[in-house]
């Protein structure tokens, strides 16, 4: 009998990891955690993008021969925000006309002024408010695009101001929260809010003249052939 022999059993290798297996496991865990973090960040970014589009209006892609517009939310009274898109490289230029007066017997408002709309996307704001510089109520138009900011305003008659400062029912038939498109060369009435005052009657059909002067807020994209 060999006195140097060790009767104890050799330790089992079951359940033991080599250094290579351990490094591989750590790498897999890191990859899984990285993917989870990336997915969470992507979902957060998508949620923020959806909220931004909802706040400022989002125009989905359209054909190159159409004009698009959508109304964006606004928390301020008598403040109207739109995002519009005019295609580039066409035979038309576009302008935005605005007014607060639709004369009796006419189907088109008496436009106060116009402001140019450049090709591409623009954020258009139409606002009725008191100008703190001279304390006069005005309708103003502000256009933001890649080329900068342009403004234009017109002082309102006292009779119009009195109506806007009071509470009345309003009929709105312009562009709403869904995107609207029209072929090139056609005008697009993006804003048509009409105030119902007293016992005046209102015809909502756009091809029939109203039977009384109609006070409201009107804005229209108008094409101009080059």
Protein backbone atom coordinates (compact mmCIF):
# COMPACT_ATOMS: atom_id res chain seq x y z
CA UNK A 1 0.00 0.00 0.00
CA UNK A 2 1.37 3.37 -0.99
CA UNK A 3 1.59 5.58 2.07
CA UNK A 4 1.83 8.81 -0.06
CA UNK A 5 -1.54 8.38 -1.73
CA UNK A 6 -4.30 10.85 -0.76
CA UNK A 7 -7.60 9.08 -0.16
CA UNK A 8 -9.62 12.38 -0.47
CA UNK A 9 -11.60 12.74 -3.78
CA UNK A 10 -10.54 15.40 -6.29
CA UNK A 11 -12.78 18.51 -6.34
CA UNK A 12 -15.51 18.54 -9.02
CA UNK A 13 -15.32 21.14 -11.87
CA UNK A 14 -19.09 21.28 -12.23
CA UNK A 15 -20.52 24.78 -11.62
CA UNK A 16 -17.17 26.48 -12.13
CA UNK A 17 -16.60 29.10 -14.90
CA UNK A 18 -13.47 29.78 -16.77
CA UNK A 19 -12.22 33.33 -17.14
CA UNK A 20 -13.27 33.31 -20.80
CA UNK A 21 -16.82 32.26 -19.94
CA UNK A 22 -17.03 34.92 -17.24
CA UNK A 23 -15.90 37.68 -19.64
CA UNK A 24 -18.40 36.46 -22.24
CA UNK A 25 -21.24 36.55 -19.70
CA UNK A 26 -20.31 40.09 -18.61
CA UNK A 27 -20.21 41.21 -22.24
CA UNK A 28 -23.66 39.76 -22.96
CA UNK A 29 -25.15 41.43 -19.87
CA UNK A 30 -23.60 44.77 -20.89
CA UNK A 31 -25.04 44.44 -24.41
CA UNK A 32 -28.51 43.63 -23.08
CA UNK A 33 -28.46 46.55 -20.65
CA UNK A 34 -27.19 48.86 -23.41
CA UNK A 35 -30.05 47.83 -25.68
CA UNK A 36 -32.59 48.37 -22.92
CA UNK A 37 -31.22 51.85 -22.20
CA UNK A 38 -31.23 52.70 -25.93
CA UNK A 39 -34.85 51.55 -26.30
CA UNK A 40 -35.94 53.62 -23.30
CA UNK A 41 -34.14 56.69 -24.65
CA UNK A 42 -35.69 56.17 -28.09
CA UNK A 43 -39.18 55.92 -26.64
CA UNK A 44 -38.60 59.06 -24.60
CA UNK A 45 -37.36 60.90 -27.68
CA UNK A 46 -40.35 59.70 -29.73
CA UNK A 47 -42.71 60.88 -26.98
CA UNK A 48 -41.02 64.29 -26.87
CA UNK A 49 -41.19 64.54 -30.68
CA UNK A 50 -44.88 63.66 -30.69
CA UNK A 51 -45.55 66.32 -28.05
CA UNK A 52 -43.56 68.90 -30.04
CA UNK A 53 -45.47 68.07 -33.22
CA UNK A 54 -48.74 68.37 -31.34
CA UNK A 55 -47.77 71.78 -29.95
CA UNK A 56 -46.46 73.30 -33.16
CA UNK A 57 -48.39 71.33 -35.79
CA UNK A 58 -46.94 68.61 -37.99
CA UNK A 59 -47.25 68.41 -41.77
CA UNK A 60 -46.72 64.93 -43.15
CA UNK A 61 -45.03 64.56 -46.56
CA UNK A 62 -47.19 65.48 -49.56
CA UNK A 63 -46.86 65.71 -53.32
CA UNK A 64 -44.80 68.57 -54.78
CA UNK A 65 -47.87 70.04 -56.50
CA UNK A 66 -49.92 70.75 -53.37
CA UNK A 67 -50.11 73.27 -50.54
CA UNK A 68 -50.60 71.97 -46.99
CA UNK A 69 -51.76 73.57 -43.74
CA UNK A 70 -52.67 72.51 -40.21
CA UNK A 71 -53.84 74.43 -37.15
CA UNK A 72 -51.71 74.20 -34.01
CA UNK A 73 -53.01 74.54 -30.44
CA UNK A 74 -53.00 77.97 -28.81
CA UNK A 75 -53.73 78.71 -25.16
CA UNK A 76 -54.25 82.45 -25.72
CA UNK A 77 -57.62 83.91 -26.76
CA UNK A 78 -57.80 85.51 -30.21
CA UNK A 79 -54.44 83.90 -31.05
CA UNK A 80 -54.35 81.54 -34.02
CA UNK A 81 -51.32 79.45 -35.01
CA UNK A 82 -50.87 77.49 -38.24
CA UNK A 83 -48.12 75.57 -39.93
CA UNK A 84 -48.20 75.88 -43.71
CA UNK A 85 -46.07 74.43 -46.48
CA UNK A 86 -45.64 75.86 -49.95
CA UNK A 87 -43.67 73.76 -52.47
CA UNK A 88 -40.54 75.13 -54.09
CA UNK A 89 -39.84 75.59 -57.79
CA UNK A 90 -43.41 76.20 -58.96
CA UNK A 91 -45.01 78.85 -61.16
CA UNK A 92 -46.77 80.40 -58.14
CA UNK A 93 -45.75 82.65 -55.30
CA UNK A 94 -47.96 82.72 -52.20
CA UNK A 95 -49.06 85.41 -49.82
CA UNK A 96 -51.21 85.45 -46.69
CA UNK A 97 -54.12 87.91 -46.72
CA UNK A 98 -55.93 88.83 -43.48
CA UNK A 99 -59.01 90.75 -42.41
CA UNK A 100 -61.78 91.07 -39.82
CA UNK A 101 -64.53 92.26 -42.17
CA UNK A 102 -66.70 90.33 -44.61
CA UNK A 103 -68.92 92.99 -46.24
CA UNK A 104 -72.59 92.44 -46.88
CA UNK A 105 -73.32 90.81 -50.23
CA UNK A 106 -69.76 89.49 -50.75
CA UNK A 107 -68.19 86.05 -50.47
CA UNK A 108 -64.65 87.37 -49.90
CA UNK A 109 -63.52 89.52 -46.96
CA UNK A 110 -62.24 93.01 -47.55
CA UNK A 111 -58.56 92.11 -47.17
CA UNK A 112 -56.58 94.62 -45.14
CA UNK A 113 -53.10 93.60 -46.23
CA UNK A 114 -50.93 90.67 -47.39
CA UNK A 115 -47.63 89.20 -46.26
CA UNK A 116 -45.40 86.99 -48.39
CA UNK A 117 -45.09 83.26 -47.65
CA UNK A 118 -41.77 81.81 -48.77
CA UNK A 119 -41.46 78.29 -50.23
CA UNK A 120 -41.01 75.63 -47.58
CA UNK A 121 -42.61 75.38 -44.16
CA UNK A 122 -43.70 78.44 -42.18
CA UNK A 123 -45.26 78.99 -38.78
CA UNK A 124 -48.02 81.58 -39.13
CA UNK A 125 -49.56 83.41 -36.17
CA UNK A 126 -52.62 85.65 -36.51
CA UNK A 127 -53.41 87.62 -33.37
CA UNK A 128 -55.93 90.19 -32.23
CA UNK A 129 -54.77 92.17 -29.21
CA UNK A 130 -54.09 95.60 -27.82
CA UNK A 131 -50.77 97.08 -28.88
CA UNK A 132 -49.05 98.33 -25.69
CA UNK A 133 -47.15 100.94 -27.68
CA UNK A 134 -50.21 102.98 -28.64
CA UNK A 135 -53.03 101.14 -26.76
CA UNK A 136 -54.84 100.42 -30.02
CA UNK A 137 -56.35 97.06 -30.87
CA UNK A 138 -54.86 95.50 -33.97
CA UNK A 139 -54.88 92.37 -36.06
CA UNK A 140 -51.29 91.30 -36.59
CA UNK A 141 -49.68 88.56 -38.62
CA UNK A 142 -46.31 87.00 -37.85
CA UNK A 143 -44.57 84.55 -40.18
CA UNK A 144 -41.57 82.47 -39.06
CA UNK A 145 -39.56 80.44 -41.56
CA UNK A 146 -35.98 79.46 -42.32
CA UNK A 147 -35.32 82.98 -43.63
CA UNK A 148 -36.34 84.79 -40.45
CA UNK A 149 -39.41 86.53 -39.03
CA UNK A 150 -41.77 88.97 -40.74
CA UNK A 151 -44.58 90.98 -39.13
CA UNK A 152 -47.48 93.06 -40.33
CA UNK A 153 -50.38 94.67 -38.49
CA UNK A 154 -53.50 96.76 -39.05
CA UNK A 155 -55.42 98.90 -36.53
CA UNK A 156 -58.99 97.71 -36.05
CA UNK A 157 -62.11 99.91 -36.19
CA UNK A 158 -63.65 100.64 -32.80
CA UNK A 159 -66.78 98.70 -33.73
CA UNK A 160 -64.73 95.57 -34.42
CA UNK A 161 -62.73 95.98 -31.23
CA UNK A 162 -65.90 96.16 -29.16
CA UNK A 163 -67.12 92.88 -30.62
CA UNK A 164 -63.84 91.03 -30.02
CA UNK A 165 -63.67 92.25 -26.43
CA UNK A 166 -67.17 90.95 -25.66
CA UNK A 167 -68.44 87.38 -25.40
CA UNK A 168 -70.19 86.01 -28.49
CA UNK A 169 -70.73 82.66 -30.17
CA UNK A 170 -68.22 81.89 -32.91
CA UNK A 171 -68.62 79.73 -36.01
CA UNK A 172 -65.30 78.33 -37.24
CA UNK A 173 -65.00 76.86 -40.75
CA UNK A 174 -61.27 77.19 -41.45
CA UNK A 175 -58.46 74.66 -41.18
CA UNK A 176 -58.66 72.62 -37.98
CA UNK A 177 -56.30 70.18 -36.26
CA UNK A 178 -56.09 67.85 -39.25
CA UNK A 179 -53.84 68.57 -42.21
CA UNK A 180 -55.55 70.04 -45.27
CA UNK A 181 -54.05 70.04 -48.77
CA UNK A 182 -55.04 71.77 -51.99
CA UNK A 183 -53.56 71.68 -55.50
CA UNK A 184 -51.28 74.52 -56.54
CA UNK A 185 -53.01 77.63 -57.85
CA UNK A 186 -56.02 77.45 -55.50
CA UNK A 187 -56.56 79.74 -52.50
CA UNK A 188 -56.76 78.11 -49.08
CA UNK A 189 -58.82 79.80 -46.34
CA UNK A 190 -56.88 78.69 -43.28
CA UNK A 191 -58.83 80.89 -40.83
CA UNK A 192 -62.54 81.71 -40.96
CA UNK A 193 -63.98 82.47 -37.51
CA UNK A 194 -67.22 84.45 -37.60
CA UNK A 195 -68.75 86.19 -34.59
CA UNK A 196 -72.51 85.86 -34.14
CA UNK A 197 -73.72 89.22 -32.83
CA UNK A 198 -77.32 89.97 -31.86
CA UNK A 199 -79.98 88.65 -34.20
CA UNK A 200 -77.78 88.72 -37.29
CA UNK A 201 -78.17 85.66 -39.50
CA UNK A 202 -75.21 83.82 -40.93
CA UNK A 203 -74.91 81.83 -44.13
CA UNK A 204 -72.15 79.23 -43.81
CA UNK A 205 -72.06 78.32 -47.48
CA UNK A 206 -68.91 79.81 -48.96
CA UNK A 207 -70.45 80.44 -52.41
CA UNK A 208 -73.32 82.60 -51.16
CA UNK A 209 -73.03 86.19 -49.94
CA UNK A 210 -73.95 87.02 -46.36
CA UNK A 211 -76.95 89.28 -45.85
CA UNK A 212 -75.15 91.57 -43.38
CA UNK A 213 -71.62 92.69 -42.60
CA UNK A 214 -69.90 89.79 -40.88
CA UNK A 215 -67.22 90.55 -38.30
CA UNK A 216 -64.70 87.78 -37.78
CA UNK A 217 -61.09 86.72 -38.20
CA UNK A 218 -60.07 85.71 -41.71
CA UNK A 219 -56.78 84.58 -43.22
CA UNK A 220 -56.19 83.05 -46.62
CA UNK A 221 -53.24 81.64 -48.55
CA UNK A 222 -53.43 83.17 -52.01
CA UNK A 223 -51.44 82.12 -55.09
CA UNK A 224 -49.89 84.66 -57.44
CA UNK A 225 -48.77 83.54 -60.88
CA UNK A 226 -45.18 84.52 -61.63
